[in-house]
Protein backbone atom coordinates (compact mmCIF):
# COMPACT_ATOMS: atom_id res chain seq x y z
CA UNK A 1 0.17 -0.17 -0.05
CA UNK A 2 1.58 3.66 -0.67
CA UNK A 3 0.96 6.48 1.39
CA UNK A 4 0.61 10.28 -0.20
CA UNK A 5 2.90 12.90 1.55
CA UNK A 6 -0.89 14.03 3.10
CA UNK A 7 -1.40 10.66 4.89
CA UNK A 8 1.88 10.42 6.40
CA UNK A 9 1.59 14.07 7.67
CA UNK A 10 -1.49 12.85 9.09
CA UNK A 11 -0.08 9.83 10.73
CA UNK A 12 3.08 12.27 12.21
CA UNK A 13 1.26 14.81 13.76
CA UNK A 14 -2.09 12.72 15.21
CA UNK A 15 0.49 10.27 17.06
CA UNK A 16 2.68 13.08 18.10
CA UNK A 17 -0.41 14.42 19.71
CA UNK A 18 -1.98 11.48 20.92
CA UNK A 19 1.43 10.27 22.41
CA UNK A 20 1.77 14.08 24.26
CA UNK A 21 -1.46 13.28 25.63
CA UNK A 22 -0.80 10.32 27.31
CA UNK A 23 2.81 11.00 28.39
CA UNK A 24 1.61 14.25 29.85
CA UNK A 25 -1.19 12.24 31.41
CA UNK A 26 0.58 9.12 32.87
CA UNK A 27 2.97 11.44 34.37
CA UNK A 28 0.46 13.89 35.65
CA UNK A 29 -0.92 10.80 37.53
CA UNK A 30 2.13 9.77 38.85
CA UNK A 31 3.91 13.16 39.76
CA UNK A 32 0.43 14.28 41.15
CA UNK A 33 0.69 17.47 39.21
CA UNK A 34 1.00 18.46 35.78
CA UNK A 35 3.92 17.03 33.89
CA UNK A 36 4.45 18.16 30.14
CA UNK A 37 6.36 15.39 28.56
CA UNK A 38 7.08 17.07 25.11
CA UNK A 39 10.18 18.41 23.93
CA UNK A 40 9.07 21.32 22.05
CA UNK A 41 6.33 23.97 23.03
CA UNK A 42 3.29 22.69 21.59
CA UNK A 43 1.31 19.84 22.33
CA UNK A 44 3.57 17.07 20.36
CA UNK A 45 5.42 14.40 21.17
CA UNK A 46 7.52 14.44 17.39
CA UNK A 47 9.68 11.05 17.97
CA UNK A 48 6.19 8.97 18.37
CA UNK A 49 5.12 10.65 14.75
CA UNK A 50 8.62 10.16 13.60
CA UNK A 51 8.49 6.87 14.66
CA UNK A 52 4.52 5.65 13.61
CA UNK A 53 5.63 7.22 10.20
CA UNK A 54 8.58 4.47 10.17
CA UNK A 55 6.46 1.06 11.07
CA UNK A 56 3.43 2.82 8.84
CA UNK A 57 5.71 2.74 5.58
CA UNK A 58 8.34 -0.02 6.57
CA UNK A 59 6.50 -2.56 8.26
CA UNK A 60 3.01 -3.15 6.06
CA UNK A 61 4.53 -6.04 4.56
CA UNK A 62 4.21 -7.74 7.86
CA UNK A 63 0.73 -7.09 8.28
CA UNK A 64 -0.13 -10.54 7.65
CA UNK A 65 2.39 -12.04 10.56
CA UNK A 66 1.44 -10.45 13.85
CA UNK A 67 4.15 -11.78 15.93
CA UNK A 68 7.06 -10.38 13.26
CA UNK A 69 5.08 -7.09 13.25
CA UNK A 70 5.25 -7.21 16.44
CA UNK A 71 8.72 -8.10 16.92
CA UNK A 72 9.93 -5.41 14.19
CA UNK A 73 7.91 -2.79 15.60
CA UNK A 74 9.27 -3.23 19.04
CA UNK A 75 13.07 -3.66 17.50
CA UNK A 76 12.22 -0.13 15.57
CA UNK A 77 10.49 1.66 18.32
CA UNK A 78 13.54 0.54 20.60
CA UNK A 79 16.64 1.73 18.59
CA UNK A 80 14.50 5.20 17.59
CA UNK A 81 14.60 5.73 21.52
CA UNK A 82 18.21 4.94 22.07
CA UNK A 83 19.04 7.04 19.16
CA UNK A 84 17.24 9.74 20.21
CA UNK A 85 18.16 9.62 23.83
CA UNK A 86 21.83 9.85 22.62
CA UNK A 87 21.16 12.80 20.12
CA UNK A 88 19.61 14.92 22.58
CA UNK A 89 22.41 13.97 24.87
CA UNK A 90 25.09 15.32 22.42
CA UNK A 91 22.74 18.20 21.41
CA UNK A 92 22.88 19.60 25.23
CA UNK A 93 24.96 17.42 27.34
CA UNK A 94 21.87 16.40 29.32
CA UNK A 95 20.13 13.09 29.75
CA UNK A 96 16.61 13.62 28.58
CA UNK A 97 15.05 10.07 30.75
CA UNK A 98 16.66 7.54 32.72
CA UNK A 99 15.70 4.00 32.99
CA UNK A 100 18.54 2.90 35.03
CA UNK A 101 16.26 1.88 37.80
CA UNK A 102 14.24 -0.35 35.66
CA UNK A 103 15.37 -4.22 35.10
CA UNK A 104 16.43 -5.31 31.50
CA UNK A 105 18.00 -1.71 30.83
CA UNK A 106 20.67 -0.63 28.33
CA UNK A 107 22.16 3.03 28.49
CA UNK A 108 19.28 3.92 30.91
CA UNK A 109 17.64 4.78 27.95
CA UNK A 110 15.83 1.67 26.86
CA UNK A 111 14.27 -0.90 28.68
CA UNK A 112 12.85 -4.52 28.04
CA UNK A 113 9.52 -3.36 29.49
CA UNK A 114 9.27 -0.19 27.14
CA UNK A 115 10.22 -2.54 24.04
CA UNK A 116 7.64 -4.95 24.42
CA UNK A 117 4.69 -1.87 24.78
CA UNK A 118 6.17 -0.54 21.97
CA UNK A 119 5.86 -3.52 20.41
CA UNK A 120 1.92 -4.07 21.29
CA UNK A 121 1.16 -0.29 20.06
CA UNK A 122 3.20 -0.73 16.70
CA UNK A 123 0.49 -3.67 15.91
CA UNK A 124 -2.55 -1.80 17.61
CA UNK A 125 -1.42 1.00 15.44
CA UNK A 126 -0.52 -0.45 12.14
CA UNK A 127 -3.11 -2.81 12.01
CA UNK A 128 -5.74 -0.43 13.43
CA UNK A 129 -5.32 2.68 14.57
CA UNK A 130 -3.85 3.98 11.27
CA UNK A 131 -7.07 2.78 9.29
CA UNK A 132 -9.17 5.27 11.85
CA UNK A 133 -7.40 7.80 11.30
CA UNK A 134 -7.07 7.95 7.61
CA UNK A 135 -10.74 7.22 7.66
CA UNK A 136 -11.34 10.49 10.11
CA UNK A 137 -9.17 12.77 7.51
CA UNK A 138 -11.23 11.35 4.32
CA UNK A 139 -14.38 12.46 6.05
CA UNK A 140 -13.24 16.30 5.44
CA UNK A 141 -13.41 17.87 2.08
CA UNK A 142 -10.55 17.47 0.36
CA UNK A 143 -9.32 21.53 0.12
CA UNK A 144 -9.96 21.33 3.93
CA UNK A 145 -7.60 18.34 4.67
CA UNK A 146 -4.86 19.92 2.72
CA UNK A 147 -5.13 22.93 4.41
CA UNK A 148 -5.41 21.33 8.17
CA UNK A 149 -2.15 19.31 6.76
CA UNK A 150 -0.37 22.52 5.41
CA UNK A 151 -1.38 24.34 8.94
CA UNK A 152 0.11 21.56 11.24
CA UNK A 153 3.61 21.66 9.45
CA UNK A 154 4.19 25.40 9.91
CA UNK A 155 3.20 24.61 13.66
CA UNK A 156 5.35 21.82 13.97
CA UNK A 157 8.01 23.73 11.69
CA UNK A 158 8.05 26.66 14.10
CA UNK A 159 7.81 24.56 17.10
CA UNK A 160 10.73 22.31 16.65
CA UNK A 161 12.65 24.88 15.33
CA UNK A 162 12.22 27.14 18.00
CA UNK A 163 12.60 24.47 20.60
CA UNK A 164 15.99 23.21 18.78
CA UNK A 165 17.57 26.67 18.71
CA UNK A 166 16.46 27.89 22.42
CA UNK A 167 19.00 24.88 23.24
CA UNK A 168 21.56 27.34 22.19
CA UNK A 169 20.25 30.18 23.56
CA UNK A 170 19.55 31.49 20.46
CA UNK A 171 16.50 33.77 21.25
CA UNK A 172 17.77 37.07 20.48
CA UNK A 173 18.20 36.45 16.83
CA UNK A 174 15.03 35.07 15.92
CA UNK A 175 12.35 37.36 18.00
CA UNK A 176 9.43 36.87 15.60
CA UNK A 177 10.05 33.02 15.48
CA UNK A 178 10.40 33.18 19.37
CA UNK A 179 7.42 35.16 19.74
CA UNK A 180 4.97 33.00 18.00
CA UNK A 181 6.68 29.95 19.57
CA UNK A 182 5.60 31.80 23.21
CA UNK A 183 2.09 31.64 21.80
CA UNK A 184 2.30 28.26 21.00
CA UNK A 185 3.71 27.13 24.24
CA UNK A 186 0.74 29.10 25.86
CA UNK A 187 -1.62 27.74 24.21
CA UNK A 188 -0.31 24.51 25.32
CA UNK A 189 -0.50 25.11 28.96
CA UNK A 190 -3.92 26.00 28.57
CA UNK A 191 -4.69 22.90 27.19
CA UNK A 192 -2.87 21.28 30.05
CA UNK A 193 -4.39 23.33 32.52
CA UNK A 194 -7.81 20.94 31.90
CA UNK A 195 -5.90 17.89 32.63
CA UNK A 196 -3.92 19.42 35.52
CA UNK A 197 -4.11 22.55 37.53
CA UNK A 198 -0.30 22.92 38.45
CA UNK A 199 2.02 24.19 35.68
CA UNK A 200 5.58 23.20 36.20
CA UNK A 201 8.86 24.04 34.31
CA UNK A 202 8.37 22.04 30.97
CA UNK A 203 11.57 20.08 30.15
CA UNK A 204 14.03 20.24 33.30
CA UNK A 205 11.13 19.48 35.29
CA UNK A 206 9.98 16.88 33.13
CA UNK A 207 12.89 14.70 33.25
CA UNK A 208 14.55 15.03 36.89
CA UNK A 209 17.38 12.62 36.35
CA UNK A 210 19.44 15.71 34.20
CA UNK A 211 23.13 14.68 34.03
CA UNK A 212 25.37 17.15 32.94
CA UNK A 213 29.02 16.10 31.43
CA UNK A 214 32.14 17.77 31.87
CA UNK A 215 33.97 20.47 29.64
CA UNK A 216 36.25 18.49 28.71
CA UNK A 217 34.32 15.57 27.40
CA UNK A 218 32.05 17.76 25.47
CA UNK A 219 35.26 19.75 24.00
CA UNK A 220 36.30 16.29 23.00
CA UNK A 221 33.32 14.95 21.32
CA UNK A 222 32.97 18.07 19.36
CA UNK A 223 36.39 18.02 17.92
CA UNK A 224 36.41 13.80 17.35
CA UNK A 225 32.98 14.03 15.89
CA UNK A 226 32.50 17.08 13.96
CA UNK A 227 30.95 17.16 10.36
CA UNK A 228 34.28 16.83 8.42
CA UNK A 229 35.51 13.98 10.44
CA UNK A 230 32.07 12.43 9.89
CA UNK A 231 32.01 12.79 6.30
CA UNK A 232 35.67 11.17 5.89
CA UNK A 233 34.53 8.14 8.45
CA UNK A 234 31.30 7.91 5.59
CA UNK A 235 33.82 7.84 2.44
CA UNK A 236 35.91 5.82 4.14
CA UNK A 237 33.33 3.31 5.49
CA UNK A 238 31.80 3.19 2.27
CA UNK A 239 35.39 1.88 0.63
CA UNK A 240 36.26 -0.11 2.94
CA UNK A 241 32.92 -1.82 2.68
CA UNK A 242 32.58 -2.29 -0.67
CA UNK A 243 36.18 -3.78 -0.65
CA UNK A 244 35.50 -6.04 2.36
CA UNK A 245 32.01 -7.49 1.07
CA UNK A 246 33.46 -8.45 -2.70
CA UNK A 247 36.11 -9.89 -1.15
CA UNK A 248 33.31 -12.12 1.16
CA UNK A 249 31.56 -12.51 -2.03
CA UNK A 250 34.79 -14.17 -3.54
CA UNK A 251 35.35 -16.02 -0.80
CA UNK A 252 31.90 -17.33 -0.07
CA UNK A 253 30.62 -18.03 -3.66
CA UNK A 254 34.15 -18.06 -6.09
CA UNK A 255 33.04 -14.97 -7.95
CA UNK A 256 34.37 -11.38 -8.18
CA UNK A 257 31.63 -9.36 -8.24
CA UNK A 258 30.74 -5.20 -7.61
CA UNK A 259 29.13 -4.76 -4.51
CA UNK A 260 29.15 -0.84 -5.55
CA UNK A 261 25.93 1.36 -4.36
CA UNK A 262 27.23 3.76 -6.41
CA UNK A 263 28.21 4.39 -10.42
CA UNK A 264 31.42 5.72 -9.71
CA UNK A 265 34.17 4.40 -7.59
CA UNK A 266 33.87 1.27 -5.14
CA UNK A 267 31.70 2.66 -2.56
CA UNK A 268 28.90 1.06 -0.68
CA UNK A 269 26.62 3.58 0.68
CA UNK A 270 24.88 1.12 3.25
CA UNK A 271 28.12 0.48 5.04
CA UNK A 272 29.59 4.53 4.83
CA UNK A 273 26.50 5.04 6.70
CA UNK A 274 26.11 2.69 8.63
CA UNK A 275 29.99 3.59 9.73
CA UNK A 276 28.94 7.12 10.53
CA UNK A 277 25.99 6.46 12.54
CA UNK A 278 27.59 3.80 14.77
CA UNK A 279 30.56 6.53 15.32
CA UNK A 280 28.21 9.63 16.16
CA UNK A 281 26.17 6.83 18.70
CA UNK A 282 28.49 4.83 20.19
CA UNK A 283 32.01 6.32 20.50
CA UNK A 284 30.88 7.87 23.52
CA UNK A 285 30.11 4.82 24.97
CA UNK A 286 33.88 3.04 23.99
CA UNK A 287 34.58 2.35 27.18
CA UNK A 288 31.45 0.38 28.29
CA UNK A 289 31.64 -3.74 28.26
CA UNK A 290 31.98 -5.34 24.75
CA UNK A 291 28.79 -7.34 25.17
CA UNK A 292 27.05 -3.60 25.39
CA UNK A 293 28.32 -2.24 22.51
CA UNK A 294 27.61 -5.95 20.44
CA UNK A 295 24.41 -5.97 21.88
CA UNK A 296 23.41 -2.76 20.49
CA UNK A 297 25.16 -3.30 17.04
CA UNK A 298 22.95 -6.26 16.62
CA UNK A 299 19.58 -4.15 17.34
CA UNK A 300 20.91 -1.06 15.28
CA UNK A 301 22.59 -2.93 12.25
CA UNK A 302 19.48 -5.46 12.19
CA UNK A 303 16.92 -2.68 11.63
CA UNK A 304 19.32 -0.27 9.50
CA UNK A 305 19.67 -2.82 7.11
CA UNK A 306 16.20 -4.06 7.01
CA UNK A 307 15.01 -0.22 6.45
CA UNK A 308 17.37 0.57 3.85
CA UNK A 309 16.26 -2.64 2.06
CA UNK A 310 12.34 -1.74 2.58
CA UNK A 311 13.83 1.73 1.40
CA UNK A 312 15.67 0.48 -1.76
CA UNK A 313 12.85 -1.23 -2.76
CA UNK A 314 10.28 1.43 -2.64
CA UNK A 315 12.41 3.81 -4.48
CA UNK A 316 14.20 1.99 -6.91
CA UNK A 317 12.08 -1.04 -7.55
CA UNK A 318 14.58 -2.89 -6.90
CA UNK A 319 16.04 -5.88 -4.49
CA UNK A 320 19.76 -5.40 -3.61
CA UNK A 321 19.82 -8.27 -1.33
CA UNK A 322 17.96 -11.43 -0.75
CA UNK A 323 18.50 -13.28 2.28
CA UNK A 324 15.63 -15.78 1.69
CA UNK A 325 17.70 -19.05 1.47
CA UNK A 326 19.41 -18.47 4.53
CA UNK A 327 18.04 -19.62 8.09
CA UNK A 328 16.27 -17.18 10.53
CA UNK A 329 15.52 -14.67 7.88
CA UNK A 330 12.91 -11.55 8.31
CA UNK A 331 11.42 -11.67 4.53
CA UNK A 332 14.58 -11.80 3.28
CA UNK A 333 15.56 -8.71 4.25
CA UNK A 334 17.79 -9.53 7.44
CA UNK A 335 18.93 -12.45 9.35
CA UNK A 336 20.32 -13.58 12.63
CA UNK A 337 23.64 -14.73 11.01
CA UNK A 338 24.34 -11.12 9.86
CA UNK A 339 22.55 -9.13 12.47
CA UNK A 340 25.29 -10.94 15.11
CA UNK A 341 28.07 -9.78 12.17
CA UNK A 342 26.59 -6.04 12.44
CA UNK A 343 27.39 -6.89 16.66
CA UNK A 344 30.86 -7.88 15.91
CA UNK A 345 31.57 -4.91 13.54
CA UNK A 346 30.20 -2.33 16.23
CA UNK A 347 32.98 -3.84 18.22
CA UNK A 348 35.65 -4.19 16.20
CA UNK A 349 34.87 -0.36 14.97
CA UNK A 350 34.71 1.38 17.96
CA UNK A 351 37.21 -0.70 19.84
CA UNK A 352 40.13 -0.98 17.40
CA UNK A 353 39.93 1.02 13.95
CA UNK A 354 38.28 3.93 15.15
CA UNK A 355 40.74 5.29 17.30
CA UNK A 356 43.32 4.59 14.69
CA UNK A 357 40.92 6.00 11.65
CA UNK A 358 40.46 9.33 13.82
CA UNK A 359 43.94 9.93 13.99
CA UNK A 360 44.63 9.56 10.11
CA UNK A 361 41.29 11.78 9.30
CA UNK A 362 43.02 14.65 12.14
CA UNK A 363 46.12 14.61 10.31
CA UNK A 364 44.30 14.59 6.66
CA UNK A 365 42.35 17.22 7.75
CA UNK A 366 45.64 19.69 9.13
CA UNK A 367 47.15 18.73 6.04
CA UNK A 368 44.49 19.71 3.00
CA UNK A 369 42.47 22.26 5.83
CA UNK A 370 39.07 22.23 3.91
CA UNK A 371 39.51 22.18 0.15
CA UNK A 372 40.22 18.29 -0.36
CA UNK A 373 37.08 17.88 1.71
CA UNK A 374 34.59 20.41 -0.16
CA UNK A 375 36.04 18.34 -3.03
CA UNK A 376 35.06 14.90 -1.94
CA UNK A 377 31.52 16.12 -0.77
CA UNK A 378 31.37 17.68 -3.97
CA UNK A 379 32.34 14.25 -5.97
CA UNK A 380 30.01 12.39 -3.50
CA UNK A 381 26.86 14.36 -3.39
CA UNK A 382 26.98 14.36 -7.21
CA UNK A 383 28.06 10.50 -7.54
CA UNK A 384 25.03 9.73 -5.27
CA UNK A 385 22.61 12.09 -7.27
CA UNK A 386 23.39 10.24 -11.03
CA UNK A 387 23.52 6.76 -9.21
CA UNK A 388 19.75 7.38 -7.91
CA UNK A 389 18.91 8.84 -11.34
CA UNK A 390 20.22 6.00 -13.47
CA UNK A 391 18.73 3.58 -11.04
CA UNK A 392 15.70 5.30 -11.63
CA UNK A 393 16.03 5.52 -15.37
CA UNK A 394 16.97 1.31 -15.07
CA UNK A 395 13.67 0.85 -13.52
CA UNK A 396 11.57 2.81 -15.34
CA UNK A 397 13.32 1.22 -18.67
CA UNK A 398 12.92 -2.16 -17.79
CA UNK A 399 8.99 -1.72 -17.14
CA UNK A 400 9.52 -0.55 -21.33
CA UNK A 401 8.99 3.39 -20.66
CA UNK A 402 10.56 5.49 -23.27
CA UNK A 403 13.11 8.34 -22.81
CA UNK A 404 10.98 10.97 -22.76
CA UNK A 405 13.06 13.70 -20.66
CA UNK A 406 16.65 14.81 -21.50
CA UNK A 407 18.07 13.45 -18.36
CA UNK A 408 16.60 10.20 -19.03
CA UNK A 409 18.32 10.13 -22.14
CA UNK A 410 21.74 10.87 -20.76
CA UNK A 411 20.92 7.99 -18.47
CA UNK A 412 20.21 5.53 -21.33
CA UNK A 413 23.73 6.79 -23.16
CA UNK A 414 25.59 6.56 -20.26
CA UNK A 415 24.10 3.57 -17.89
CA UNK A 416 22.24 1.47 -20.30
CA UNK A 417 21.25 -2.38 -19.07
CA UNK A 418 24.49 -3.69 -19.77
CA UNK A 419 26.66 -1.43 -17.53
CA UNK A 420 24.07 -1.25 -14.59
CA UNK A 421 23.90 -5.18 -14.69
CA UNK A 422 27.49 -5.11 -14.28
CA UNK A 423 27.41 -2.51 -11.24
CA UNK A 424 24.21 -3.87 -9.60
CA UNK A 425 24.72 -7.67 -10.22
CA UNK A 426 21.78 -8.49 -7.72
CA UNK A 427 19.72 -5.94 -8.15
CA UNK A 428 16.39 -7.86 -9.04
CA UNK A 429 13.00 -6.37 -10.37
CA UNK A 430 10.61 -6.94 -7.23
């Protein structure tokens, strides 16, 4: 089933608002006074809306199997919760919630109890709630429904941007934006007064376990995980990932086979993004026990590979890998063995390879400055854009559609079926 942008916006804002109501109500009952659980100024918990959209788009094919739908929802929601907690901690060096006192928790950000709850809520949402929300939305006249969605988008952008910028105390630079944010916040408080008569500080009081990290660690994180460093980790990871997969295919299948994601050069975007994201999320946890890093690597790697598989199939109409013949696979997109490989790779990378690679990147940046990084960024951006156009044309050409636009004709000339089959030998039409 395909969804329009309006459908996904309805899902996003509906779940964001419902989650704000639920979290605020639960916290209010627990604390005996009002607790606003949202990150931003308005009555929204955006993490829930974002997660709902991911589950709606990527788990539709699991509707026929409630167990795997439950499992997929639990894993993806848990991964999103962990990444969000880590990201917020990086932004302002604060821990926004803490499950450390709960049993079977990891890092204080996720725990088994809530993972099971997310799985159950995911099943309910994908199977039942989404249909109800779409039904209500389609009762509205189309023009009114579209106008309402755009209004929510505008409110959401103002809400999110003002809340994000306020973390860095930028209120004086964008006074108009923060005036609108203030109005939205007052509306939120008036709405919340119907739940509780006492209003407290919005964010600091919502999560009492706020932990401030030291200045030295903050400076180190900024130095070691800057944008330039992360970009080079993406490039190096994409290159090494392609080489490793090529050698792996040679050893296991006896053939040399292209494993590149891009049309120019041996680069695997899946590996590049995986290494960049893993470094951002796990680097500061490098001193934790290896089994912790391994466990989160298994979960993150499996969820990441599954989402990449669905994304490439939806966008390009091609399946780039299929594990259906392997035991313990899920829809042919992931399998237990390779998930364990992701865990091992996380430990090897964070504990062994990354410190050495970071030193090499630092030396490279000191010698070349920004010039080499800018040139490489332009090349990779062009490479990704051309590769996407070539894949899209490869799909439409396979469906018998003639090239009517100039870019389509160029793709046919430069990247015909023969060349595309050589670059993407395992890409098959779904």
